[in-house]
């Protein structure tokens, strides 16, 4: 069978993302000739190792498959990819092949449109094909989400006040992000600079079929498929929290300098992370949960490495964030 052609489905800071319909992988093609994508590959792989070792399952990390250097015959052997990339670049640069993160389902997309898109723009938003590529960036550090006329679900930014409105469990999301960050700092020994946390669909479809027990309770042959009678609706993807984009991640030393570098990176990732010294109930809830889960995970990792002199460092990281916020509020 002929496979669908590649098309552009997104863009990051260092690359353009191409994919084929329903294929389980994406190809990120570098925007420039630099080493950002090679760094992305190395950091992605080492952080994924630590997620496996420490059994981080509540934040998913895409599988990292392989790297393609510029000038490699890979593009000659994948003409559809070369053609799609050729519409963006004169000559394709290096590429990184990773697991595909699938967009959020239609039901969720419509929920976002109904709540955060102005009424006059809703129909256009529902029919815009670009809005099918919907990943939601979780901005736990911002209360400034607004209803807007200019609306796009591509890389939609969901602010903490909007999570509160939708009754999303922002506290649980904060705890998951905290654990992932602790592993990136103290196990992978990186600053986690410019990583992104997004809500998207899981990589595996789950069937909505009857259990054996339910089947046995049926008295006669009965239709057991989806209500819509549409085959694809029998299989659904659950929503997961994912971490991605590792091109700016840098190694850190396990000392005060490393802590300072991690604090600086946190500042750059500002909107994703909870903020201390805030007034509203929801901001206090997510910050307190973040601190509790971060320190718990960090101390577990450090104790396992049997290097107790490092135990004060995670607390210094949290103190650094509070000092940073105090400084900002004084300005």
Protein backbone atom coordinates (compact mmCIF):
# COMPACT_ATOMS: atom_id res chain seq x y z
CA UNK A 1 0.00 0.00 0.00
CA UNK A 2 1.11 3.55 -0.70
CA UNK A 3 1.87 5.50 2.44
CA UNK A 4 0.49 8.99 2.96
CA UNK A 5 2.88 11.84 2.10
CA UNK A 6 4.75 13.72 4.80
CA UNK A 7 3.34 17.06 5.93
CA UNK A 8 4.39 19.70 8.43
CA UNK A 9 2.54 19.21 11.74
CA UNK A 10 4.41 21.61 14.03
CA UNK A 11 7.51 23.63 14.82
CA UNK A 12 9.86 23.86 17.78
CA UNK A 13 12.62 26.31 18.61
CA UNK A 14 15.23 24.39 16.63
CA UNK A 15 13.28 22.31 14.12
CA UNK A 16 10.20 21.77 11.96
CA UNK A 17 8.16 18.61 12.65
CA UNK A 18 7.03 16.39 9.75
CA UNK A 19 4.84 13.29 9.92
CA UNK A 20 2.79 10.89 7.84
CA UNK A 21 -0.88 10.28 8.62
CA UNK A 22 -1.23 7.62 11.35
CA UNK A 23 2.50 6.74 11.38
CA UNK A 24 3.85 6.34 14.95
CA UNK A 25 6.96 8.51 14.45
CA UNK A 26 7.86 12.10 13.51
CA UNK A 27 10.91 13.63 11.87
CA UNK A 28 12.21 16.88 13.32
CA UNK A 29 14.35 18.66 10.69
CA UNK A 30 16.81 21.25 12.04
CA UNK A 31 16.21 24.91 11.16
CA UNK A 32 19.95 25.71 11.11
CA UNK A 33 23.32 24.05 10.57
CA UNK A 34 24.27 24.21 14.28
CA UNK A 35 24.47 21.37 16.80
CA UNK A 36 21.14 22.04 18.56
CA UNK A 37 19.51 18.88 17.19
CA UNK A 38 22.52 16.72 18.06
CA UNK A 39 22.33 18.09 21.62
CA UNK A 40 18.57 17.42 21.56
CA UNK A 41 19.29 13.78 20.63
CA UNK A 42 21.93 13.24 23.34
CA UNK A 43 20.01 14.93 26.15
CA UNK A 44 16.71 13.31 25.13
CA UNK A 45 18.31 9.85 25.23
CA UNK A 46 20.04 10.34 28.60
CA UNK A 47 16.95 11.86 30.26
CA UNK A 48 14.82 9.01 28.86
CA UNK A 49 17.28 6.54 30.45
CA UNK A 50 16.79 8.18 33.86
CA UNK A 51 13.01 8.22 33.45
CA UNK A 52 13.20 4.44 32.92
CA UNK A 53 15.59 3.88 35.85
CA UNK A 54 13.44 5.94 38.25
CA UNK A 55 10.17 4.60 36.84
CA UNK A 56 8.74 8.01 35.91
CA UNK A 57 5.43 6.97 34.37
CA UNK A 58 3.17 9.95 35.09
CA UNK A 59 5.10 12.16 32.68
CA UNK A 60 5.73 10.49 29.32
CA UNK A 61 8.85 11.07 27.26
CA UNK A 62 8.74 10.22 23.54
CA UNK A 63 10.94 7.29 22.48
CA UNK A 64 14.09 8.65 20.84
CA UNK A 65 14.83 6.61 17.70
CA UNK A 66 17.73 7.95 15.63
CA UNK A 67 19.69 10.96 14.37
CA UNK A 68 20.36 11.76 10.68
CA UNK A 69 23.32 14.09 9.92
CA UNK A 70 23.09 16.71 7.17
CA UNK A 71 24.00 15.36 3.72
CA UNK A 72 23.06 11.76 4.56
CA UNK A 73 21.31 9.66 1.89
CA UNK A 74 18.31 9.29 4.24
CA UNK A 75 16.53 12.16 2.47
CA UNK A 76 17.22 10.62 -0.98
CA UNK A 77 15.62 7.38 0.22
CA UNK A 78 12.59 9.22 1.63
CA UNK A 79 11.54 11.46 -1.29
CA UNK A 80 8.18 12.39 0.25
CA UNK A 81 9.99 13.73 3.34
CA UNK A 82 12.53 15.56 1.16
CA UNK A 83 9.68 17.12 -0.83
CA UNK A 84 7.83 18.30 2.31
CA UNK A 85 11.04 19.63 3.88
CA UNK A 86 11.96 21.28 0.56
CA UNK A 87 8.93 23.56 0.90
CA UNK A 88 10.47 24.97 4.10
CA UNK A 89 14.24 24.62 3.55
CA UNK A 90 16.44 24.99 0.48
CA UNK A 91 18.45 21.95 1.56
CA UNK A 92 17.32 19.79 4.50
CA UNK A 93 19.66 19.93 7.51
CA UNK A 94 20.11 17.21 10.11
CA UNK A 95 17.04 15.36 11.39
CA UNK A 96 15.89 13.56 14.52
CA UNK A 97 13.35 10.72 14.43
CA UNK A 98 11.27 10.24 17.57
CA UNK A 99 7.99 8.72 18.71
CA UNK A 100 4.96 10.68 17.61
CA UNK A 101 2.89 12.45 20.24
CA UNK A 102 -0.70 12.33 19.05
CA UNK A 103 -2.95 15.40 19.34
CA UNK A 104 -5.84 15.70 21.74
CA UNK A 105 -9.18 14.21 20.61
CA UNK A 106 -12.02 16.17 19.00
CA UNK A 107 -14.08 16.24 22.22
CA UNK A 108 -11.25 17.99 24.09
CA UNK A 109 -10.55 20.37 21.20
CA UNK A 110 -14.22 21.41 21.16
CA UNK A 111 -14.14 21.95 24.94
CA UNK A 112 -11.20 24.35 24.53
CA UNK A 113 -12.90 26.17 21.65
CA UNK A 114 -16.19 26.52 23.58
CA UNK A 115 -14.44 27.93 26.65
CA UNK A 116 -11.58 30.02 25.30
CA UNK A 117 -12.43 31.12 21.76
CA UNK A 118 -14.65 34.17 21.21
CA UNK A 119 -18.14 33.26 20.00
CA UNK A 120 -17.78 34.81 16.55
CA UNK A 121 -14.59 32.82 15.84
CA UNK A 122 -15.76 29.38 17.06
CA UNK A 123 -17.05 27.97 13.78
CA UNK A 124 -13.85 28.95 11.97
CA UNK A 125 -11.79 27.38 14.77
CA UNK A 126 -13.74 24.10 14.53
CA UNK A 127 -13.22 23.80 10.78
CA UNK A 128 -9.58 24.97 10.63
CA UNK A 129 -7.54 21.83 9.75
CA UNK A 130 -4.47 23.24 11.55
CA UNK A 131 -6.38 22.95 14.84
CA UNK A 132 -6.34 19.16 14.56
CA UNK A 133 -2.65 19.26 15.58
CA UNK A 134 -3.60 20.17 19.14
CA UNK A 135 -1.02 19.84 21.91
CA UNK A 136 -1.70 21.87 25.05
CA UNK A 137 1.17 23.58 26.88
CA UNK A 138 0.47 23.67 30.61
CA UNK A 139 1.30 27.08 32.06
CA UNK A 140 1.17 26.50 35.83
CA UNK A 141 3.06 29.76 36.39
CA UNK A 142 0.59 32.07 34.65
CA UNK A 143 -2.88 33.33 35.58
CA UNK A 144 -3.23 35.37 32.39
CA UNK A 145 -5.25 33.09 30.10
CA UNK A 146 -7.90 35.06 28.20
CA UNK A 147 -10.72 34.41 25.73
CA UNK A 148 -9.40 35.54 22.36
CA UNK A 149 -10.57 36.23 18.82
CA UNK A 150 -7.24 35.08 17.39
CA UNK A 151 -7.40 31.46 18.35
CA UNK A 152 -5.20 28.49 17.49
CA UNK A 153 -5.08 25.03 19.04
CA UNK A 154 -1.58 24.39 17.68
CA UNK A 155 0.58 24.58 20.82
CA UNK A 156 -2.35 26.02 22.75
CA UNK A 157 -1.27 27.66 26.02
CA UNK A 158 -3.50 26.61 28.91
CA UNK A 159 -2.94 28.97 31.84
CA UNK A 160 -3.56 28.10 35.49
CA UNK A 161 -6.72 30.24 35.74
CA UNK A 162 -8.11 28.34 32.71
CA UNK A 163 -7.23 24.94 34.25
CA UNK A 164 -9.13 26.07 37.34
CA UNK A 165 -12.14 27.03 35.19
CA UNK A 166 -12.11 23.60 33.48
CA UNK A 167 -11.72 21.92 36.91
CA UNK A 168 -8.54 20.19 35.75
CA UNK A 169 -6.46 18.69 38.56
CA UNK A 170 -3.69 21.30 38.41
CA UNK A 171 -2.31 20.06 41.74
CA UNK A 172 -1.68 16.59 40.28
CA UNK A 173 -0.06 18.11 37.17
CA UNK A 174 2.23 20.23 39.39
CA UNK A 175 3.30 17.13 41.33
CA UNK A 176 4.07 15.19 38.15
CA UNK A 177 6.11 18.04 36.68
CA UNK A 178 8.00 18.38 39.98
CA UNK A 179 8.99 14.69 39.97
CA UNK A 180 10.10 14.87 36.33
CA UNK A 181 12.16 18.00 37.04
CA UNK A 182 13.82 16.38 40.08
CA UNK A 183 14.86 13.41 37.90
CA UNK A 184 16.21 15.74 35.19
CA UNK A 185 18.21 17.69 37.81
CA UNK A 186 19.54 15.03 40.20
CA UNK A 187 19.55 11.80 38.16
CA UNK A 188 20.22 13.06 34.61
CA UNK A 189 22.29 15.95 36.09
CA UNK A 190 20.93 18.56 33.68
CA UNK A 191 19.36 22.00 34.03
CA UNK A 192 16.19 21.01 32.02
CA UNK A 193 16.54 24.33 30.17
CA UNK A 194 13.64 25.16 27.84
CA UNK A 195 11.91 21.77 28.04
CA UNK A 196 8.16 21.86 27.45
CA UNK A 197 5.34 20.07 29.24
CA UNK A 198 2.27 19.37 27.13
CA UNK A 199 -1.02 17.53 27.40
CA UNK A 200 -1.52 15.23 24.43
CA UNK A 201 -2.92 11.82 23.60
CA UNK A 202 -1.14 8.64 24.60
CA UNK A 203 0.79 6.71 21.98
CA UNK A 204 -1.40 3.62 22.45
CA UNK A 205 -5.02 3.23 21.55
CA UNK A 206 -7.18 1.52 24.15
CA UNK A 207 -10.23 -0.43 23.03
CA UNK A 208 -13.54 0.43 24.65
CA UNK A 209 -14.76 -3.15 24.37
CA UNK A 210 -16.84 -5.16 26.82
CA UNK A 211 -15.14 -7.19 29.55
CA UNK A 212 -15.63 -10.96 29.66
CA UNK A 213 -17.93 -10.52 32.66
CA UNK A 214 -20.09 -8.02 30.77
CA UNK A 215 -20.21 -10.32 27.72
CA UNK A 216 -21.48 -13.22 29.85
CA UNK A 217 -24.35 -11.05 31.13
CA UNK A 218 -25.70 -10.52 27.57
CA UNK A 219 -28.67 -12.83 26.99
CA UNK A 220 -28.62 -12.83 23.16
CA UNK A 221 -26.39 -11.71 20.27
CA UNK A 222 -26.17 -7.92 20.69
CA UNK A 223 -24.32 -5.10 18.93
CA UNK A 224 -21.29 -4.27 21.10
CA UNK A 225 -19.53 -1.68 18.94
CA UNK A 226 -19.26 2.09 19.37
CA UNK A 227 -22.51 4.11 19.43
CA UNK A 228 -21.41 6.05 16.36
CA UNK A 229 -21.00 2.78 14.37
CA UNK A 230 -17.62 4.20 13.30
CA UNK A 231 -14.76 1.72 13.66
CA UNK A 232 -12.16 4.27 14.79
CA UNK A 233 -14.37 5.36 17.69
CA UNK A 234 -13.97 1.89 19.24
CA UNK A 235 -10.34 2.78 19.97
CA UNK A 236 -9.51 5.80 22.08
CA UNK A 237 -6.30 7.40 23.28
CA UNK A 238 -6.04 8.52 26.89
CA UNK A 239 -4.65 11.97 27.68
CA UNK A 240 -1.11 12.07 29.07
CA UNK A 241 1.35 14.70 30.24
CA UNK A 242 4.48 14.68 28.06
CA UNK A 243 7.89 16.37 28.29
CA UNK A 244 9.71 17.29 25.07
CA UNK A 245 12.24 19.59 23.36
CA UNK A 246 15.67 18.96 24.86
CA UNK A 247 17.81 20.98 22.43
CA UNK A 248 18.80 23.66 24.97
CA UNK A 249 19.35 21.33 27.94
CA UNK A 250 22.82 21.64 29.51
CA UNK A 251 24.67 19.43 32.02
CA UNK A 252 25.04 20.73 35.58
CA UNK A 253 27.51 20.03 38.38
CA UNK A 254 26.25 18.67 41.69
CA UNK A 255 27.13 21.80 43.71
CA UNK A 256 26.05 25.42 44.29
CA UNK A 257 26.99 26.36 40.71
CA UNK A 258 24.74 23.60 39.37
CA UNK A 259 21.88 24.81 41.57
CA UNK A 260 22.33 28.37 40.26
CA UNK A 261 22.23 27.07 36.67
CA UNK A 262 19.04 25.10 37.42
CA UNK A 263 17.40 28.20 38.97
CA UNK A 264 18.35 30.24 35.88
CA UNK A 265 16.81 27.58 33.59
CA UNK A 266 13.63 27.54 35.70
CA UNK A 267 13.38 31.31 35.23
CA UNK A 268 13.57 30.86 31.43
CA UNK A 269 10.84 28.17 31.54
CA UNK A 270 8.79 30.52 33.69
CA UNK A 271 5.20 29.92 32.53
CA UNK A 272 5.39 26.11 32.84
CA UNK A 273 6.33 26.03 36.52
CA UNK A 274 4.42 27.12 39.64
CA UNK A 275 5.46 30.39 41.27
CA UNK A 276 6.05 31.01 44.99
CA UNK A 277 4.70 33.92 47.07
CA UNK A 278 1.40 34.15 45.20
CA UNK A 279 -1.95 35.23 46.65
CA UNK A 280 -4.66 33.06 45.06
CA UNK A 281 -5.71 29.67 46.45
CA UNK A 282 -4.90 27.74 43.26
CA UNK A 283 -1.42 29.27 42.95
CA UNK A 284 -0.63 28.33 46.56
CA UNK A 285 -1.95 24.79 46.05
CA UNK A 286 0.19 24.10 42.95
CA UNK A 287 3.32 25.67 44.47
CA UNK A 288 3.05 23.67 47.72
CA UNK A 289 2.49 20.42 45.82
CA UNK A 290 5.40 21.20 43.51
CA UNK A 291 7.78 21.76 46.45
CA UNK A 292 6.65 18.63 48.31
CA UNK A 293 6.98 16.30 45.31
CA UNK A 294 10.21 17.88 44.04
CA UNK A 295 12.02 17.58 47.38
CA UNK A 296 10.70 14.05 47.97
CA UNK A 297 11.91 12.79 44.58
CA UNK A 298 15.23 14.68 44.73
CA UNK A 299 16.12 13.35 48.20
CA UNK A 300 15.22 9.78 47.16
CA UNK A 301 17.60 10.02 44.18
CA UNK A 302 20.44 11.56 46.21
CA UNK A 303 20.12 8.96 49.01
CA UNK A 304 20.25 6.16 46.42
CA UNK A 305 23.53 7.59 45.12
CA UNK A 306 24.81 7.47 48.74
CA UNK A 307 26.20 11.00 48.57
CA UNK A 308 24.61 12.62 51.62
CA UNK A 309 26.61 15.86 51.31
CA UNK A 310 24.38 16.66 48.32
CA UNK A 311 21.16 16.42 50.39
CA UNK A 312 20.91 20.21 51.08
CA UNK A 313 21.11 21.10 47.36
CA UNK A 314 17.45 20.49 46.34
CA UNK A 315 16.33 22.74 49.21
CA UNK A 316 18.75 25.40 47.97
CA UNK A 317 17.13 25.15 44.55
CA UNK A 318 13.68 25.84 46.07
CA UNK A 319 15.14 28.71 48.17
CA UNK A 320 16.68 30.11 44.97
CA UNK A 321 13.25 30.16 43.30
CA UNK A 322 11.72 32.00 46.26
CA UNK A 323 14.58 34.55 46.28
CA UNK A 324 14.12 35.06 42.53
CA UNK A 325 10.39 35.73 42.96
CA UNK A 326 11.04 38.15 45.86
CA UNK A 327 13.48 40.07 43.66
CA UNK A 328 10.91 40.22 40.82
CA UNK A 329 8.17 41.49 43.14
CA UNK A 330 10.39 44.27 44.51
CA UNK A 331 11.19 45.64 41.04
